[in-house]
Amino acid sequence: MSLIPSGVPSLEKETIKRVTRRIMPFLVTLYIINFLDRTNVGFAALTMNEEVGISEAVYGLGAGIFFLGYFIFEVPSNVLLHRFGARRWIARIMVTWGFVALLMAFLQTPEHFLILRVLLGIAEAGFYPGIIFYLSLWYPARYRARMIAIFYLGIPISNVIGAPLSTGLIQLGDAMGFSGWRVMYGVEAIPAIILGVVTWFFLTDRPKQAKWLAPEQADWLQGELDREEAAKSTVVETAGSKIKQIGRALLNPYVIALSLIYFGITSGSNAMNFFLPSVIGTFSETFGLEINLITNGLIVAIPYAFAAFAMVWWSRRSDVRGERRFHAGGAAIFAGVAIAAALVINHPVAIVIGFIALASGVYAAINVFWAVPSQMLTGVAAAAGIGLINSIGNLSGFTGPFFTGAMYEATGSYTAPFLIIAGVVTLAGIAFIVVMGKGRAKFSDQVIEARTTA
């Protein structure tokens, strides 16, 4: 499956290929480490909770409270990224979160757990939307959904690799006489610190600064991006001071609507990321299956392996057809309906298939979704608007795990909370279709549907 359509001029083809080979493998690697350090708490919980005295409700609060710090500092972080440049700011973010993730290996009480999760959210704030903004500085609009999908491969790859890695490190640590979950936290935190330093020297902020591009390639790419910026119909007026542009972006009704829709879509992914290991763990008691740590990790990896293919294919399809509305909204609806049906059937195979559909649909929807804001916003307004959408959307990372943990303690089952989450994801997909349909009446098809010649 080629990422570059056939028939494009050779200069464009070679430039996009060179940029992609240079930056995308590195960005995917960063996201793998980012997501591993954020979600390995789900595997730590299998032994950490009992050792430290963390209840399901407190665990759910701790898993989700990460996103409160993330929410508060997201927009300021993205504005500072625009001010100082992606290379410096992303490097700072990585080193900071790496040290906080390392401290997780030394927590002693439930209070330590909650505090460190908040600090980890503050440290990571700005990373994901910063990368989305960074990609808009390197790829013309007709390539962005598929490149966002490539970057987003960090999540399924992180889970495919991280699930057996995390459970293996826990077992290794236990066998060596240590608390295995502490070994896992410590080992998995170190790469963030190292790669943060590498980022400072490896990334380039804009094409015109890229010495690794031929002069004609840098000129073509920078010129293409500059022409798109100049011709862009934006949701937010870009006249006036940067403070005014930021204010208009944060108060714009379409930006707020997209923030709430993103909240609904990510409710599915965040609940899954933090509780799927626990759901699989209940198979032993509920269905009489023998599920050890390694088996759990391997089963957890399955939905993400399918999602890796689905989201790249679906995003490329969206780019080629120049259509965002039904690709994002339809994928979210599919995800919500499928997991709800699987939970009603209540068979282990059906549940795993349901989570395959949930992961595939939600991640496909997220990738297409993120192609829209960068085509509606520009400059510092884009940095602020993207930061707001991501910060509000990721509050589902707080509400989802907290709600799921509390509901499990009340009902003794994960079925009820995941059925409600399925409904939220479905409604978000419907809302995206409706909002983007109304948006077409106000903004050009080029902006809302990203129609291109790809």
Protein backbone atom coordinates (compact mmCIF):
# COMPACT_ATOMS: atom_id res chain seq x y z
CA MET A 1 0.00 0.00 0.00
CA SER A 2 1.84 3.07 -1.27
CA LEU A 3 1.67 6.20 0.86
CA ILE A 4 2.26 8.42 -2.17
CA PRO A 5 -0.32 8.37 -4.99
CA SER A 6 0.81 7.44 -8.48
CA GLY A 7 1.15 10.12 -11.10
CA VAL A 8 2.58 12.89 -8.87
CA PRO A 9 5.58 14.88 -10.19
CA SER A 10 8.95 13.30 -9.45
CA LEU A 11 10.14 16.26 -7.34
CA GLU A 12 7.10 15.96 -5.08
CA LYS A 13 7.40 12.19 -4.86
CA GLU A 14 11.09 12.19 -3.98
CA THR A 15 10.71 15.06 -1.50
CA ILE A 16 7.84 13.42 0.40
CA LYS A 17 9.70 10.11 0.41
CA ARG A 18 12.85 11.70 1.82
CA VAL A 19 10.95 13.62 4.50
CA THR A 20 9.02 10.50 5.47
CA ARG A 21 12.14 8.34 5.71
CA ARG A 22 13.86 11.00 7.80
CA ILE A 23 11.24 11.97 10.37
CA MET A 24 8.43 9.39 10.54
CA PRO A 25 10.34 6.36 11.94
CA PHE A 26 11.81 8.63 14.60
CA LEU A 27 8.44 10.18 15.52
CA VAL A 28 6.80 6.75 15.69
CA THR A 29 9.59 5.58 18.02
CA LEU A 30 8.99 8.58 20.28
CA TYR A 31 5.27 7.83 20.42
CA ILE A 32 5.90 4.17 21.23
CA ILE A 33 7.95 5.23 24.25
CA ASN A 34 5.42 7.93 25.17
CA PHE A 35 2.48 5.57 25.15
CA LEU A 36 4.37 2.79 26.91
CA ASP A 37 5.25 5.08 29.83
CA ARG A 38 1.67 6.37 29.98
CA THR A 39 -0.17 3.05 29.93
CA ASN A 40 2.20 0.49 31.49
CA VAL A 41 0.32 1.26 34.69
CA GLY A 42 -2.34 -1.16 33.39
CA PHE A 43 0.12 -4.05 33.66
CA ALA A 44 1.69 -2.77 36.87
CA ALA A 45 -1.79 -2.83 38.42
CA LEU A 46 -1.92 -6.63 38.14
CA THR A 47 0.56 -6.89 41.06
CA MET A 48 1.21 -3.30 42.22
CA ASN A 49 -2.30 -2.63 43.51
CA GLU A 50 -2.25 -5.42 46.07
CA GLU A 51 1.31 -4.71 47.19
CA VAL A 52 0.78 -0.97 47.71
CA GLY A 53 -2.87 -1.18 48.84
CA ILE A 54 -4.47 0.51 45.84
CA SER A 55 -8.19 -0.24 45.39
CA GLU A 56 -9.87 -0.48 41.97
CA ALA A 57 -11.46 2.93 42.50
CA VAL A 58 -8.16 4.55 43.52
CA TYR A 59 -6.43 2.85 40.60
CA GLY A 60 -9.07 4.19 38.22
CA LEU A 61 -8.60 7.66 39.71
CA GLY A 62 -4.81 7.40 39.40
CA ALA A 63 -4.94 6.09 35.84
CA GLY A 64 -7.19 8.96 34.86
CA ILE A 65 -5.84 11.78 37.01
CA PHE A 66 -2.87 11.83 34.64
CA PHE A 67 -5.12 13.70 32.23
CA LEU A 68 -6.00 16.50 34.66
CA GLY A 69 -2.41 17.71 34.68
CA TYR A 70 -2.31 17.07 30.95
CA PHE A 71 -5.47 19.17 30.47
CA ILE A 72 -4.25 22.17 32.46
CA PHE A 73 -0.86 22.44 30.77
CA GLU A 74 -1.73 21.29 27.23
CA VAL A 75 -2.55 24.63 25.59
CA PRO A 76 0.31 26.58 27.27
CA SER A 77 2.72 23.82 26.26
CA ASN A 78 1.63 23.92 22.63
CA VAL A 79 1.85 27.72 22.50
CA LEU A 80 5.39 27.51 23.92
CA LEU A 81 6.22 24.89 21.29
CA HIS A 82 5.19 27.40 18.64
CA ARG A 83 7.36 30.02 20.37
CA PHE A 84 10.54 27.96 20.93
CA GLY A 85 10.27 25.44 18.08
CA ALA A 86 9.25 21.79 18.03
CA ARG A 87 12.78 20.40 18.29
CA ARG A 88 13.60 22.09 21.59
CA TRP A 89 10.19 21.77 23.18
CA ILE A 90 9.59 18.11 22.33
CA ALA A 91 13.07 17.30 23.66
CA ARG A 92 12.21 19.09 26.92
CA ILE A 93 8.91 17.23 27.23
CA MET A 94 10.54 13.83 26.77
CA VAL A 95 13.32 14.30 29.28
CA THR A 96 10.86 15.63 31.87
CA TRP A 97 8.37 12.80 31.51
CA GLY A 98 11.21 10.25 31.50
CA PHE A 99 12.37 11.34 34.96
CA VAL A 100 8.83 11.33 36.36
CA ALA A 101 8.19 7.87 34.86
CA LEU A 102 11.38 6.68 36.57
CA LEU A 103 10.08 7.89 39.92
CA MET A 104 7.07 5.57 39.51
CA ALA A 105 9.42 2.70 40.33
CA PHE A 106 9.87 4.09 43.87
CA LEU A 107 6.27 4.87 44.90
CA GLN A 108 5.29 3.48 48.31
CA THR A 109 1.70 4.55 48.99
CA PRO A 110 -1.57 5.19 47.09
CA GLU A 111 -0.92 8.91 47.65
CA HIS A 112 2.46 8.64 45.90
CA PHE A 113 0.73 6.88 43.03
CA LEU A 114 -1.81 9.69 42.58
CA ILE A 115 0.79 12.49 42.84
CA LEU A 116 3.17 10.90 40.34
CA ARG A 117 0.37 10.28 37.85
CA VAL A 118 -0.56 13.98 38.00
CA LEU A 119 3.09 14.98 37.53
CA LEU A 120 3.45 12.57 34.60
CA GLY A 121 0.47 14.23 32.90
CA ILE A 122 1.96 17.68 33.41
CA ALA A 123 5.31 16.49 32.04
CA GLU A 124 3.77 14.91 28.91
CA ALA A 125 1.43 17.83 28.16
CA GLY A 126 1.89 19.09 24.63
CA PHE A 127 3.66 16.07 23.16
CA TYR A 128 0.89 14.62 20.98
CA PRO A 129 -0.67 17.89 19.74
CA GLY A 130 2.83 19.25 19.31
CA ILE A 131 3.63 16.41 16.91
CA ILE A 132 0.33 16.98 15.05
CA PHE A 133 1.28 20.65 14.66
CA TYR A 134 4.82 19.64 13.65
CA LEU A 135 3.49 17.38 10.88
CA SER A 136 1.49 20.33 9.51
CA LEU A 137 4.84 22.12 9.05
CA TRP A 138 6.22 19.27 6.92
CA TYR A 139 3.36 17.77 4.92
CA PRO A 140 0.86 19.39 2.52
CA ALA A 141 -2.77 18.84 3.49
CA ARG A 142 -3.27 16.01 1.00
CA TYR A 143 -0.79 13.83 2.90
CA ARG A 144 -1.64 14.61 6.51
CA ALA A 145 -4.24 11.99 7.45
CA ARG A 146 -2.02 9.13 6.32
CA MET A 147 1.05 10.63 8.02
CA ILE A 148 -0.91 11.14 11.24
CA ALA A 149 -1.92 7.48 10.91
CA ILE A 150 1.73 6.44 10.54
CA PHE A 151 2.60 8.44 13.65
CA TYR A 152 -0.36 6.93 15.47
CA LEU A 153 1.07 3.49 14.75
CA GLY A 154 3.04 4.18 17.91
CA ILE A 155 -0.02 3.18 19.94
CA PRO A 156 -0.71 -0.28 18.48
CA ILE A 157 3.02 -1.00 18.17
CA SER A 158 3.50 0.10 21.77
CA ASN A 159 0.81 -2.33 22.85
CA VAL A 160 1.92 -5.18 20.60
CA ILE A 161 5.48 -4.84 21.87
CA GLY A 162 4.74 -3.37 25.27
CA ALA A 163 2.20 -5.92 26.47
CA PRO A 164 4.57 -8.91 26.43
CA LEU A 165 7.54 -6.66 27.32
CA SER A 166 5.85 -5.22 30.40
CA THR A 167 4.53 -8.56 31.65
CA GLY A 168 7.91 -10.17 30.92
CA LEU A 169 9.77 -7.49 32.91
CA ILE A 170 7.36 -7.95 35.80
CA GLN A 171 7.95 -11.68 35.84
CA LEU A 172 11.72 -11.20 35.48
CA GLY A 173 11.79 -8.75 38.37
CA ASP A 174 9.75 -11.08 40.56
CA ALA A 175 12.08 -13.98 39.71
CA MET A 176 15.10 -11.86 40.73
CA GLY A 177 13.55 -11.12 44.10
CA PHE A 178 12.40 -7.57 43.34
CA SER A 179 8.93 -6.14 42.91
CA GLY A 180 8.50 -6.86 39.22
CA TRP A 181 6.35 -3.83 38.53
CA ARG A 182 9.10 -1.57 39.90
CA VAL A 183 11.62 -3.13 37.51
CA MET A 184 9.16 -2.57 34.64
CA TYR A 185 8.68 1.12 35.48
CA GLY A 186 12.43 1.73 35.79
CA VAL A 187 13.52 -0.04 32.60
CA GLU A 188 10.76 1.48 30.46
CA ALA A 189 11.42 5.05 31.64
CA ILE A 190 15.06 5.25 30.54
CA PRO A 191 14.50 5.38 26.74
CA ALA A 192 12.44 8.59 27.07
CA ILE A 193 15.37 10.42 28.67
CA ILE A 194 17.86 9.18 26.09
CA LEU A 195 15.63 9.91 23.09
CA GLY A 196 14.78 13.32 24.48
CA VAL A 197 18.44 14.28 24.19
CA VAL A 198 18.61 12.77 20.69
CA THR A 199 15.54 14.78 19.64
CA TRP A 200 17.35 18.06 20.32
CA PHE A 201 19.96 17.21 17.68
CA PHE A 202 17.90 15.14 15.23
CA LEU A 203 14.69 17.04 14.47
CA THR A 204 14.50 20.07 12.18
CA ASP A 205 11.81 22.69 12.72
CA ARG A 206 10.97 23.60 9.10
CA PRO A 207 11.86 22.46 5.55
CA LYS A 208 13.83 25.62 4.81
CA GLN A 209 16.21 24.66 7.65
CA ALA A 210 16.66 21.04 6.49
CA LYS A 211 20.22 20.52 5.31
CA TRP A 212 19.34 16.88 4.62
CA LEU A 213 17.01 17.97 1.79
CA ALA A 214 18.33 18.97 -1.62
CA PRO A 215 17.88 22.75 -2.16
CA GLU A 216 15.21 22.24 -4.83
CA GLN A 217 13.33 19.84 -2.53
CA ALA A 218 13.40 22.26 0.41
CA ASP A 219 12.29 25.13 -1.84
CA TRP A 220 9.42 23.13 -3.33
CA LEU A 221 8.14 21.86 0.02
CA GLN A 222 8.40 25.18 1.85
CA GLY A 223 6.75 26.94 -1.09
CA GLU A 224 3.91 24.41 -1.17
CA LEU A 225 3.26 24.80 2.55
CA ASP A 226 3.47 28.59 2.35
CA ARG A 227 0.94 28.63 -0.51
CA GLU A 228 -1.46 26.48 1.51
CA GLU A 229 -1.16 28.81 4.47
CA ALA A 230 -1.80 31.87 2.31
CA ALA A 231 -4.83 30.30 0.61
CA LYS A 232 -6.27 28.67 3.71
CA SER A 233 -9.78 29.62 4.69
CA THR A 234 -9.59 29.54 8.46
CA VAL A 235 -12.18 29.15 11.16
CA VAL A 236 -10.34 31.69 13.29
CA GLU A 237 -9.43 35.15 12.08
CA THR A 238 -5.63 35.44 12.03
CA ALA A 239 -5.38 39.22 12.17
CA GLY A 240 -4.32 40.98 15.36
CA SER A 241 -1.89 40.04 18.10
CA LYS A 242 -0.99 36.45 18.91
CA ILE A 243 -2.90 36.74 22.19
CA LYS A 244 -6.06 37.72 20.30
CA GLN A 245 -5.58 34.89 17.81
CA ILE A 246 -5.20 32.39 20.66
CA GLY A 247 -8.31 33.77 22.38
CA ARG A 248 -10.41 33.54 19.23
CA ALA A 249 -9.23 29.97 18.63
CA LEU A 250 -10.09 28.85 22.17
CA LEU A 251 -13.57 30.42 22.08
CA ASN A 252 -14.54 29.39 18.55
CA PRO A 253 -17.69 27.18 18.58
CA TYR A 254 -16.32 24.73 16.02
CA VAL A 255 -13.11 24.26 17.98
CA ILE A 256 -15.17 23.63 21.12
CA ALA A 257 -17.46 21.22 19.24
CA LEU A 258 -14.48 19.27 17.93
CA SER A 259 -13.05 19.15 21.46
CA LEU A 260 -16.22 17.55 22.81
CA ILE A 261 -16.43 15.12 19.90
CA TYR A 262 -12.82 14.11 20.45
CA PHE A 263 -13.66 13.56 24.13
CA GLY A 264 -16.34 11.08 23.09
CA ILE A 265 -14.15 9.19 20.61
CA THR A 266 -11.18 8.88 22.96
CA SER A 267 -13.42 7.62 25.76
CA GLY A 268 -13.23 4.27 24.02
CA SER A 269 -9.49 4.18 23.53
CA ASN A 270 -8.61 5.44 27.02
CA ALA A 271 -10.87 2.98 28.84
CA MET A 272 -9.47 0.18 26.70
CA ASN A 273 -5.84 1.19 27.19
CA PHE A 274 -6.06 1.18 30.98
CA PHE A 275 -8.53 -1.66 31.61
CA LEU A 276 -8.16 -4.23 28.82
CA PRO A 277 -5.54 -6.21 30.83
CA SER A 278 -7.98 -6.29 33.75
CA VAL A 279 -10.88 -7.33 31.48
CA ILE A 280 -8.81 -10.20 30.09
CA GLY A 281 -7.83 -11.08 33.66
CA THR A 282 -11.51 -11.67 34.55
CA PHE A 283 -11.71 -14.47 31.96
CA SER A 284 -10.21 -16.83 34.55
CA GLU A 285 -13.06 -16.37 37.01
CA THR A 286 -15.89 -15.67 34.55
CA PHE A 287 -15.20 -18.33 31.90
CA GLY A 288 -12.87 -20.73 33.72
CA LEU A 289 -9.90 -19.96 31.46
CA GLU A 290 -6.35 -20.00 32.76
CA ILE A 291 -4.87 -16.56 32.05
CA ASN A 292 -1.35 -15.89 33.35
CA LEU A 293 0.63 -12.66 32.92
CA ILE A 294 2.24 -13.62 29.62
CA THR A 295 -1.02 -14.93 28.15
CA ASN A 296 -2.74 -11.74 29.23
CA GLY A 297 -0.12 -9.63 27.49
CA LEU A 298 -0.37 -11.62 24.27
CA ILE A 299 -4.18 -11.39 24.14
CA VAL A 300 -4.06 -7.65 24.86
CA ALA A 301 -1.73 -7.21 21.88
CA ILE A 302 -4.21 -8.74 19.40
CA PRO A 303 -6.66 -5.80 19.02
CA TYR A 304 -3.81 -3.34 18.55
CA ALA A 305 -2.19 -5.49 15.86
CA PHE A 306 -5.41 -5.36 13.83
CA ALA A 307 -5.80 -1.64 14.54
CA ALA A 308 -2.33 -0.90 13.12
CA PHE A 309 -3.42 -2.07 9.67
CA ALA A 310 -6.95 -0.70 9.84
CA MET A 311 -6.06 2.87 10.72
CA VAL A 312 -3.36 3.27 8.05
CA TRP A 313 -5.63 1.82 5.35
CA TRP A 314 -8.63 3.90 6.42
CA SER A 315 -6.62 7.13 6.67
CA ARG A 316 -5.07 6.66 3.24
CA ARG A 317 -8.56 6.02 1.86
CA SER A 318 -9.74 9.27 3.43
CA ASP A 319 -6.81 11.20 1.91
CA VAL A 320 -7.30 9.74 -1.57
CA ARG A 321 -11.04 10.41 -1.56
CA GLY A 322 -10.66 13.80 0.10
CA GLU A 323 -13.42 12.94 2.58
CA ARG A 324 -13.22 13.29 6.37
CA ARG A 325 -16.79 13.51 7.64
CA PHE A 326 -18.02 9.94 7.15
CA HIS A 327 -14.59 8.32 7.44
CA ALA A 328 -14.11 9.61 11.00
CA GLY A 329 -17.74 9.55 12.12
CA GLY A 330 -18.50 6.18 10.55
CA ALA A 331 -15.44 4.53 12.09
CA ALA A 332 -16.43 5.74 15.56
CA ILE A 333 -20.01 4.48 15.13
CA PHE A 334 -18.71 1.09 14.00
CA ALA A 335 -16.42 0.88 17.06
CA GLY A 336 -19.18 1.69 19.55
CA VAL A 337 -21.78 -0.64 18.08
CA ALA A 338 -19.33 -3.54 17.71
CA ILE A 339 -18.03 -3.53 21.29
CA ALA A 340 -21.57 -3.18 22.65
CA ALA A 341 -22.71 -6.22 20.65
CA ALA A 342 -19.71 -8.24 21.83
CA LEU A 343 -20.39 -7.45 25.48
CA VAL A 344 -24.05 -8.46 25.12
CA ILE A 345 -23.00 -11.80 23.58
CA ASN A 346 -20.64 -12.25 26.59
CA HIS A 347 -18.32 -14.92 25.20
CA PRO A 348 -14.52 -14.61 25.48
CA VAL A 349 -13.97 -14.90 21.71
CA ALA A 350 -16.72 -12.36 21.02
CA ILE A 351 -15.27 -9.97 23.59
CA VAL A 352 -11.79 -10.15 22.03
CA ILE A 353 -13.31 -9.58 18.56
CA GLY A 354 -15.28 -6.66 20.02
CA PHE A 355 -12.10 -5.06 21.32
CA ILE A 356 -10.46 -5.62 17.93
CA ALA A 357 -13.34 -3.64 16.39
CA LEU A 358 -13.16 -1.00 19.13
CA ALA A 359 -9.42 -0.46 18.66
CA SER A 360 -9.62 -0.46 14.86
CA GLY A 361 -12.62 1.86 14.68
CA VAL A 362 -11.55 4.34 17.32
CA TYR A 363 -7.97 4.70 16.10
CA ALA A 364 -9.09 4.99 12.47
CA ALA A 365 -11.55 7.71 13.51
CA ILE A 366 -8.91 9.59 15.51
CA ASN A 367 -6.44 9.69 12.64
CA VAL A 368 -8.94 11.07 10.14
CA PHE A 369 -10.30 13.46 12.77
CA TRP A 370 -6.90 15.11 13.24
CA ALA A 371 -6.64 15.99 9.56
CA VAL A 372 -9.47 18.51 10.07
CA PRO A 373 -8.15 21.04 12.68
CA SER A 374 -4.89 21.76 10.84
CA GLN A 375 -6.93 22.63 7.75
CA MET A 376 -9.24 24.95 9.69
CA LEU A 377 -6.58 26.79 11.69
CA THR A 378 -3.21 28.36 10.99
CA GLY A 379 -0.20 29.78 12.86
CA VAL A 380 -0.37 30.22 16.62
CA ALA A 381 -4.16 29.77 16.44
CA ALA A 382 -3.52 26.25 15.11
CA ALA A 383 -1.15 25.51 18.00
CA ALA A 384 -3.67 26.77 20.56
CA GLY A 385 -6.72 25.22 18.91
CA ILE A 386 -5.10 21.81 18.45
CA GLY A 387 -3.90 21.97 22.05
CA LEU A 388 -7.42 22.75 23.30
CA ILE A 389 -9.03 19.97 21.27
CA ASN A 390 -6.51 17.44 22.54
CA SER A 391 -6.64 18.61 26.16
CA ILE A 392 -10.45 18.60 26.42
CA GLY A 393 -10.67 15.39 24.43
CA ASN A 394 -8.17 13.67 26.67
CA LEU A 395 -10.17 14.52 29.77
CA SER A 396 -11.88 11.25 28.81
CA GLY A 397 -8.63 9.72 30.02
CA PHE A 398 -9.64 10.92 33.49
CA THR A 399 -13.39 10.33 33.41
CA GLY A 400 -13.19 6.97 31.59
CA PRO A 401 -10.79 5.09 33.91
CA PHE A 402 -12.25 6.67 37.07
CA PHE A 403 -15.80 5.83 35.98
CA THR A 404 -14.81 2.30 34.90
CA GLY A 405 -13.02 1.55 38.17
CA ALA A 406 -15.89 2.88 40.29
CA MET A 407 -18.49 0.99 38.24
CA TYR A 408 -16.50 -2.23 38.55
CA GLU A 409 -16.37 -1.90 42.33
CA ALA A 410 -20.12 -1.27 42.40
CA THR A 411 -21.16 -4.06 39.99
CA GLY A 412 -18.27 -6.54 40.01
CA SER A 413 -18.19 -6.48 36.21
CA TYR A 414 -16.70 -4.43 33.38
CA THR A 415 -19.75 -4.96 31.16
CA ALA A 416 -21.85 -2.01 32.39
CA PRO A 417 -19.12 0.68 32.18
CA PHE A 418 -17.98 -0.46 28.74
CA LEU A 419 -21.56 -0.51 27.44
CA ILE A 420 -21.92 3.13 28.51
CA ILE A 421 -18.57 4.00 26.92
CA ALA A 422 -19.72 2.27 23.72
CA GLY A 423 -22.74 4.60 23.67
CA VAL A 424 -20.53 7.66 24.15
CA VAL A 425 -18.25 6.66 21.27
CA THR A 426 -21.25 6.05 19.00
CA LEU A 427 -22.79 9.43 19.83
CA ALA A 428 -19.45 11.13 19.15
CA GLY A 429 -19.35 9.59 15.68
CA ILE A 430 -22.87 10.79 14.94
CA ALA A 431 -22.03 14.26 16.27
CA PHE A 432 -18.96 14.53 14.02
CA ILE A 433 -21.07 13.74 10.94
CA VAL A 434 -23.67 16.35 11.97
CA VAL A 435 -21.19 19.09 12.91
CA MET A 436 -19.10 18.63 9.79
CA GLY A 437 -22.28 18.64 7.71
CA LYS A 438 -23.24 22.01 9.14
CA GLY A 439 -19.66 23.18 8.78
CA ARG A 440 -19.79 22.67 5.03
CA ALA A 441 -22.46 25.33 4.81
CA LYS A 442 -20.21 27.81 6.59
CA PHE A 443 -16.76 26.85 5.32
CA SER A 444 -15.52 25.68 1.95
CA ASP A 445 -15.37 22.00 1.05
CA GLN A 446 -11.61 22.41 0.82
CA VAL A 447 -11.41 23.27 4.51
CA ILE A 448 -13.93 20.90 6.01
CA GLU A 449 -13.61 17.89 3.75
CA ALA A 450 -9.99 18.46 2.71
CA ARG A 451 -10.67 17.69 -0.92
CA THR A 452 -7.36 17.25 -2.69
CA THR A 453 -5.88 16.02 -5.93
CA ALA A 454 -4.23 13.08 -4.19
